[in-house]
């Protein structure tokens, strides 16, 4: 079995290689999945560098999510039911950048046949994050502002489409003017260009307060941190709530206590890898149903970029980190 192997943390293009590994066999409660495709997400690259919240024991095979077909199952009714079915797999454990992978049966979710393989490979991380943040955690009401940073990302674009469907307004923060024009065309209500290397945090806060008539925002999501996330946290309205779900800048939030005390605002963390297991099978199936419906409506769809084989892993990870790359990079691993 061919698999991408990580033996030491470092720059992805330098430390990843492809090796032959023994064929895995499912134990009790596990299923063996023939992997069809898996995306290259920022969380994957951060894991390879050793700076993500989950640091696997080495050697390891990266890849948090993907789509595949269940070929065999260990003891357990759900695994037997899944055998032969196409499933989305996502977990806090790595291991999807390979021809076959073992996953707990309860973490494999069957998908309808009409969901394209490319979208199915990215079923959980981005669509689920966008939907859970806005509809299940924050529950942003119609007409209210939701502020999001890194708004040009796949999650950011999904949130803009969710806003149009459910009637809330988006205040979008990006680093480049080219991204701003794209998001305005997509339907972003307000778009701010903020680059922490060129702008001061107070400039971001000032613009947010101007747009919201001095009230601040009641709902915010931030995967960036650093000066960008700090500016958002300092712009929360009375009773406002901000969910931090990433650390793209790899810099800490700097929040004056008064920014939280005066408006009695909250800044909280959200990690999908911890949220999903807590839902149980019934909760996951409800989530899958909602995401499937919104995928069919064109709301929770991902833009697909270049596709690579396992053997091209170096080219794949380099492309995934290019600006304006034109969609998510995918590893196409097996045919159906």
Protein backbone atom coordinates (compact mmCIF):
# COMPACT_ATOMS: atom_id res chain seq x y z
CA UNK A 1 0.00 0.00 0.00
CA UNK A 2 1.34 3.42 -0.99
CA UNK A 3 1.14 6.20 1.59
CA UNK A 4 2.54 9.63 2.31
CA UNK A 5 4.85 9.39 5.32
CA UNK A 6 6.00 12.08 7.75
CA UNK A 7 9.12 11.12 9.72
CA UNK A 8 10.08 14.53 11.11
CA UNK A 9 8.26 17.83 11.47
CA UNK A 10 9.26 20.58 9.08
CA UNK A 11 8.46 22.22 5.75
CA UNK A 12 5.94 19.94 3.99
CA UNK A 13 7.68 19.82 0.60
CA UNK A 14 10.90 18.76 2.29
CA UNK A 15 9.80 16.24 4.92
CA UNK A 16 7.04 14.29 3.16
CA UNK A 17 7.77 11.17 1.13
CA UNK A 18 5.77 8.29 -0.37
CA UNK A 19 6.46 4.77 0.87
CA UNK A 20 5.11 1.23 0.67
CA UNK A 21 3.43 0.24 3.94
CA UNK A 22 1.77 -3.00 5.03
CA UNK A 23 -1.90 -3.40 4.14
CA UNK A 24 -3.96 -2.51 7.25
CA UNK A 25 -6.60 -4.86 8.64
CA UNK A 26 -9.66 -3.64 10.56
CA UNK A 27 -10.05 -4.59 14.18
CA UNK A 28 -13.26 -4.52 16.25
CA UNK A 29 -15.21 -1.31 15.65
CA UNK A 30 -13.02 -0.31 12.68
CA UNK A 31 -13.55 -0.16 8.92
CA UNK A 32 -11.00 -0.37 6.12
CA UNK A 33 -11.56 2.43 3.62
CA UNK A 34 -10.14 2.57 0.10
CA UNK A 35 -9.40 6.30 -0.12
CA UNK A 36 -10.60 7.97 -3.32
CA UNK A 37 -9.56 11.56 -2.63
CA UNK A 38 -8.36 13.81 0.18
CA UNK A 39 -7.80 17.59 0.27
CA UNK A 40 -4.71 19.46 1.40
CA UNK A 41 -6.03 21.71 4.17
CA UNK A 42 -4.17 24.32 6.25
CA UNK A 43 -4.59 22.06 9.29
CA UNK A 44 -2.74 19.29 7.44
CA UNK A 45 0.20 21.55 6.65
CA UNK A 46 0.32 22.93 10.20
CA UNK A 47 0.39 19.34 11.49
CA UNK A 48 3.31 18.50 9.21
CA UNK A 49 5.15 21.52 10.61
CA UNK A 50 4.37 20.40 14.17
CA UNK A 51 2.46 23.56 15.10
CA UNK A 52 -1.14 22.26 15.08
CA UNK A 53 -3.13 21.38 18.18
CA UNK A 54 -2.81 17.70 17.29
CA UNK A 55 0.80 16.47 17.10
CA UNK A 56 0.88 12.84 15.90
CA UNK A 57 3.46 10.29 16.92
CA UNK A 58 6.02 9.82 14.16
CA UNK A 59 6.24 8.28 11.66
CA UNK A 60 2.72 9.24 10.60
CA UNK A 61 0.58 9.65 7.50
CA UNK A 62 -1.07 13.10 7.24
CA UNK A 63 -4.60 13.89 6.08
CA UNK A 64 -7.56 14.66 8.33
CA UNK A 65 -10.42 14.08 5.91
CA UNK A 66 -11.35 12.35 2.69
CA UNK A 67 -13.82 10.17 0.87
CA UNK A 68 -13.58 6.47 0.15
CA UNK A 69 -15.31 3.13 -0.09
CA UNK A 70 -15.53 0.74 2.85
CA UNK A 71 -13.88 -2.51 1.78
CA UNK A 72 -13.96 -4.45 5.06
CA UNK A 73 -15.10 -4.13 8.64
CA UNK A 74 -14.16 -5.55 12.00
CA UNK A 75 -16.71 -6.70 14.53
CA UNK A 76 -19.63 -4.32 14.90
CA UNK A 77 -23.03 -3.76 13.24
CA UNK A 78 -22.40 -0.23 11.90
CA UNK A 79 -19.20 -1.30 10.18
CA UNK A 80 -20.93 -4.25 8.55
CA UNK A 81 -23.69 -1.92 7.34
CA UNK A 82 -21.12 0.43 5.78
CA UNK A 83 -19.27 -2.28 3.83
CA UNK A 84 -19.37 -1.45 0.11
CA UNK A 85 -20.68 2.07 0.70
CA UNK A 86 -19.01 5.38 -0.13
CA UNK A 87 -18.27 7.31 3.05
CA UNK A 88 -16.83 10.62 4.22
CA UNK A 89 -14.18 10.17 6.86
CA UNK A 90 -12.92 12.85 9.20
CA UNK A 91 -11.27 12.53 12.59
CA UNK A 92 -8.84 14.10 15.00
CA UNK A 93 -6.33 11.48 13.86
CA UNK A 94 -4.34 11.88 10.67
CA UNK A 95 -3.95 9.16 8.07
CA UNK A 96 -6.01 9.83 4.92
CA UNK A 97 -3.15 10.50 2.44
CA UNK A 98 -2.81 6.83 1.57
CA UNK A 99 -4.42 4.19 -0.60
CA UNK A 100 -6.21 2.58 2.34
CA UNK A 101 -6.88 3.75 5.87
CA UNK A 102 -8.40 2.41 9.07
CA UNK A 103 -10.97 4.55 10.85
CA UNK A 104 -13.43 3.92 13.67
CA UNK A 105 -16.69 2.84 12.08
CA UNK A 106 -18.59 5.53 13.98
CA UNK A 107 -16.45 8.20 12.27
CA UNK A 108 -17.40 7.04 8.76
CA UNK A 109 -20.60 8.56 7.38
CA UNK A 110 -22.34 7.27 4.23
CA UNK A 111 -22.92 9.88 1.51
CA UNK A 112 -25.55 10.12 -1.24
CA UNK A 113 -24.39 9.04 -4.70
CA UNK A 114 -25.16 12.43 -6.27
CA UNK A 115 -22.44 14.26 -4.28
CA UNK A 116 -19.38 14.47 -6.60
CA UNK A 117 -16.22 12.79 -5.34
CA UNK A 118 -14.37 16.13 -5.23
CA UNK A 119 -17.00 17.70 -2.97
CA UNK A 120 -17.35 14.53 -0.91
CA UNK A 121 -13.60 14.57 -0.20
CA UNK A 122 -14.06 17.99 1.44
CA UNK A 123 -17.39 17.21 3.08
CA UNK A 124 -16.55 17.86 6.71
CA UNK A 125 -13.77 20.33 7.47
CA UNK A 126 -14.90 23.41 5.55
CA UNK A 127 -18.66 22.91 4.99
CA UNK A 128 -19.21 21.63 8.51
CA UNK A 129 -17.17 24.45 10.03
CA UNK A 130 -19.08 27.14 8.12
CA UNK A 131 -22.47 25.63 8.97
CA UNK A 132 -21.75 24.84 12.64
CA UNK A 133 -20.22 28.24 13.39
CA UNK A 134 -23.07 30.27 11.91
CA UNK A 135 -26.17 28.09 12.35
CA UNK A 136 -25.52 25.87 15.38
CA UNK A 137 -23.08 27.77 17.61
CA UNK A 138 -23.64 31.50 16.99
CA UNK A 139 -27.12 31.13 15.45
CA UNK A 140 -26.75 34.51 13.74
CA UNK A 141 -30.22 36.09 13.39
CA UNK A 142 -31.49 37.52 10.14
CA UNK A 143 -30.43 41.14 9.66
CA UNK A 144 -27.51 40.96 12.13
CA UNK A 145 -23.83 41.46 11.32
CA UNK A 146 -21.41 38.55 11.33
CA UNK A 147 -17.77 39.61 11.07
CA UNK A 148 -15.32 37.09 9.66
CA UNK A 149 -11.58 37.26 9.02
CA UNK A 150 -9.76 35.31 6.27
CA UNK A 151 -13.02 35.83 4.40
CA UNK A 152 -11.47 34.88 1.06
CA UNK A 153 -10.93 31.30 2.24
CA UNK A 154 -13.19 28.38 1.32
CA UNK A 155 -14.94 28.67 4.70
CA UNK A 156 -15.30 32.44 4.25
CA UNK A 157 -16.97 32.10 0.86
CA UNK A 158 -19.35 29.48 2.21
CA UNK A 159 -20.29 31.80 5.07
CA UNK A 160 -21.14 34.56 2.59
CA UNK A 161 -23.44 32.18 0.71
CA UNK A 162 -25.00 31.03 4.01
CA UNK A 163 -25.62 34.68 4.88
CA UNK A 164 -27.49 35.22 1.64
CA UNK A 165 -29.65 32.17 2.28
CA UNK A 166 -30.44 32.92 5.93
CA UNK A 167 -30.57 36.71 5.77
CA UNK A 168 -27.72 37.84 8.00
CA UNK A 169 -25.11 40.37 6.88
CA UNK A 170 -21.39 39.75 6.54
CA UNK A 171 -18.54 42.11 7.35
CA UNK A 172 -15.55 40.46 5.69
CA UNK A 173 -11.87 41.07 6.40
CA UNK A 174 -9.25 40.13 3.79
CA UNK A 175 -5.58 40.96 3.19
CA UNK A 176 -5.66 41.91 -0.50
CA UNK A 177 -7.83 44.25 -2.58
CA UNK A 178 -8.19 41.59 -5.29
CA UNK A 179 -9.89 39.35 -2.73
CA UNK A 180 -12.13 42.22 -1.68
CA UNK A 181 -13.46 42.66 -5.22
CA UNK A 182 -14.15 38.94 -5.51
CA UNK A 183 -16.10 38.87 -2.25
CA UNK A 184 -18.14 41.94 -3.15
CA UNK A 185 -19.11 40.19 -6.38
CA UNK A 186 -19.99 37.06 -4.39
CA UNK A 187 -22.36 39.06 -2.20
CA UNK A 188 -20.32 40.16 0.82
CA UNK A 189 -22.14 43.14 2.34
CA UNK A 190 -19.00 44.94 3.52
CA UNK A 191 -15.37 44.05 2.81
CA UNK A 192 -12.37 45.54 4.62
CA UNK A 193 -8.76 45.17 3.52
CA UNK A 194 -6.47 44.75 6.53
CA UNK A 195 -2.87 43.55 6.42
CA UNK A 196 -1.19 43.43 9.83
CA UNK A 197 2.16 44.13 8.15
CA UNK A 198 0.89 47.44 6.74
CA UNK A 199 -1.94 48.52 9.04
CA UNK A 200 -2.46 49.13 12.74
CA UNK A 201 -5.01 47.21 14.80
CA UNK A 202 -6.79 50.45 15.67
CA UNK A 203 -7.41 51.07 11.97
CA UNK A 204 -9.36 47.82 11.73
CA UNK A 205 -11.32 48.56 14.88
CA UNK A 206 -12.13 52.08 13.64
CA UNK A 207 -13.50 50.77 10.34
CA UNK A 208 -15.60 48.12 12.07
CA UNK A 209 -17.11 50.69 14.41
CA UNK A 210 -17.81 53.03 11.47
CA UNK A 211 -19.69 50.34 9.55
CA UNK A 212 -21.71 49.32 12.62
CA UNK A 213 -22.57 52.92 13.64
CA UNK A 214 -20.37 52.68 16.71
CA UNK A 215 -22.15 49.61 18.09
CA UNK A 216 -19.58 46.94 17.24
CA UNK A 217 -20.42 43.41 16.10
CA UNK A 218 -22.42 40.90 18.08
CA UNK A 219 -21.10 37.87 16.16
CA UNK A 220 -17.58 37.20 14.88
CA UNK A 221 -15.46 34.26 13.71
CA UNK A 222 -11.69 34.37 13.41
CA UNK A 223 -9.18 31.78 12.11
CA UNK A 224 -6.26 34.25 11.98
CA UNK A 225 -5.36 35.53 15.46
CA UNK A 226 -2.60 38.09 15.87
CA UNK A 227 -3.33 41.75 15.13
CA UNK A 228 -6.31 40.85 12.91
CA UNK A 229 -8.10 38.77 15.52
CA UNK A 230 -7.19 41.27 18.21
CA UNK A 231 -8.83 44.08 16.27
CA UNK A 232 -12.01 42.03 15.94
CA UNK A 233 -12.08 41.13 19.65
CA UNK A 234 -11.74 44.82 20.51
CA UNK A 235 -14.76 45.59 18.29
CA UNK A 236 -17.37 43.36 19.92
CA UNK A 237 -20.75 44.81 20.82
CA UNK A 238 -22.43 44.54 24.20
CA UNK A 239 -22.92 40.82 24.80
CA UNK A 240 -20.95 40.04 21.65
CA UNK A 241 -19.44 36.63 21.01
CA UNK A 242 -16.36 35.73 18.99
CA UNK A 243 -15.35 32.19 18.05
CA UNK A 244 -11.68 31.55 17.32
CA UNK A 245 -11.25 28.49 15.08
CA UNK A 246 -7.71 28.82 13.77
CA UNK A 247 -4.31 30.44 14.16
CA UNK A 248 -3.16 31.20 10.63
CA UNK A 249 -0.93 34.07 11.73
CA UNK A 250 0.64 31.91 14.47
CA UNK A 251 0.57 35.05 16.62
CA UNK A 252 -1.31 35.54 19.94
CA UNK A 253 -4.42 37.61 20.48
CA UNK A 254 -3.77 40.86 22.35
CA UNK A 255 -6.98 41.96 24.05
CA UNK A 256 -7.14 44.79 26.61
CA UNK A 257 -9.33 43.56 29.50
CA UNK A 258 -11.62 46.59 29.10
CA UNK A 259 -12.51 45.41 25.59
CA UNK A 260 -14.26 42.43 27.18
CA UNK A 261 -15.30 43.88 30.54
CA UNK A 262 -17.16 46.94 29.27
CA UNK A 263 -19.37 45.16 26.72
CA UNK A 264 -19.35 41.89 28.71
CA UNK A 265 -18.26 40.19 25.49
CA UNK A 266 -16.91 36.65 25.09
CA UNK A 267 -14.03 35.18 23.10
CA UNK A 268 -14.19 31.38 22.83
CA UNK A 269 -12.35 28.62 20.99
CA UNK A 270 -13.93 26.20 18.51
CA UNK A 271 -12.22 23.05 17.25
CA UNK A 272 -14.17 20.84 14.86
CA UNK A 273 -12.14 17.78 15.85
CA UNK A 274 -13.47 18.10 19.41
CA UNK A 275 -16.99 19.19 18.43
CA UNK A 276 -17.84 16.30 16.09
CA UNK A 277 -17.16 13.34 18.42
CA UNK A 278 -19.40 14.88 21.06
CA UNK A 279 -22.43 14.76 18.75
CA UNK A 280 -22.85 10.99 18.53
CA UNK A 281 -24.02 9.13 15.44
CA UNK A 282 -27.51 10.71 15.38
CA UNK A 283 -26.07 14.22 15.58
CA UNK A 284 -23.59 13.51 12.80
CA UNK A 285 -26.33 12.13 10.55
CA UNK A 286 -28.41 15.29 11.10
CA UNK A 287 -25.35 17.37 10.22
CA UNK A 288 -24.73 15.29 7.09
CA UNK A 289 -28.34 15.78 6.03
CA UNK A 290 -28.09 19.56 6.42
CA UNK A 291 -24.75 19.79 4.61
CA UNK A 292 -25.96 17.54 1.79
CA UNK A 293 -29.02 19.72 1.25
CA UNK A 294 -26.94 22.89 1.17
CA UNK A 295 -24.39 21.29 -1.17
CA UNK A 296 -27.18 20.45 -3.59
CA UNK A 297 -28.32 24.07 -3.40
CA UNK A 298 -24.81 25.31 -4.24
CA UNK A 299 -24.33 26.95 -0.83
CA UNK A 300 -21.73 24.68 0.82
CA UNK A 301 -19.67 23.85 -2.24
CA UNK A 302 -15.90 24.09 -2.44
CA UNK A 303 -13.97 25.47 -5.36
CA UNK A 304 -11.77 22.66 -6.66
CA UNK A 305 -8.25 23.55 -7.76
CA UNK A 306 -5.45 21.35 -9.04
CA UNK A 307 -5.44 17.62 -8.43
CA UNK A 308 -2.36 15.49 -7.78
CA UNK A 309 -1.47 11.86 -7.23
CA UNK A 310 0.17 10.60 -4.05
CA UNK A 311 3.50 10.48 -5.88
CA UNK A 312 3.19 14.23 -6.56
CA UNK A 313 2.85 15.13 -2.88
CA UNK A 314 5.67 17.70 -3.07
CA UNK A 315 3.96 19.59 -5.90
CA UNK A 316 0.62 19.28 -4.11
CA UNK A 317 1.73 20.89 -0.85
CA UNK A 318 3.66 23.64 -2.64
CA UNK A 319 0.60 24.48 -4.74
CA UNK A 320 -1.67 24.45 -1.67
CA UNK A 321 0.32 27.31 -0.15
CA UNK A 322 0.29 29.54 -3.21
CA UNK A 323 -1.79 32.70 -3.06
CA UNK A 324 -4.68 32.96 -5.54
CA UNK A 325 -4.24 29.28 -6.41
CA UNK A 326 -7.83 29.01 -7.64
CA UNK A 327 -9.44 26.41 -5.37
CA UNK A 328 -8.64 23.61 -2.95
CA UNK A 329 -5.80 21.24 -3.85
CA UNK A 330 -6.86 17.58 -3.92
CA UNK A 331 -5.00 14.30 -3.80
CA UNK A 332 -6.72 11.85 -6.18
CA UNK A 333 -5.68 8.49 -4.80
CA UNK A 334 -7.88 5.67 -6.16
CA UNK A 335 -10.56 5.26 -8.80
CA UNK A 336 -14.02 4.24 -7.63
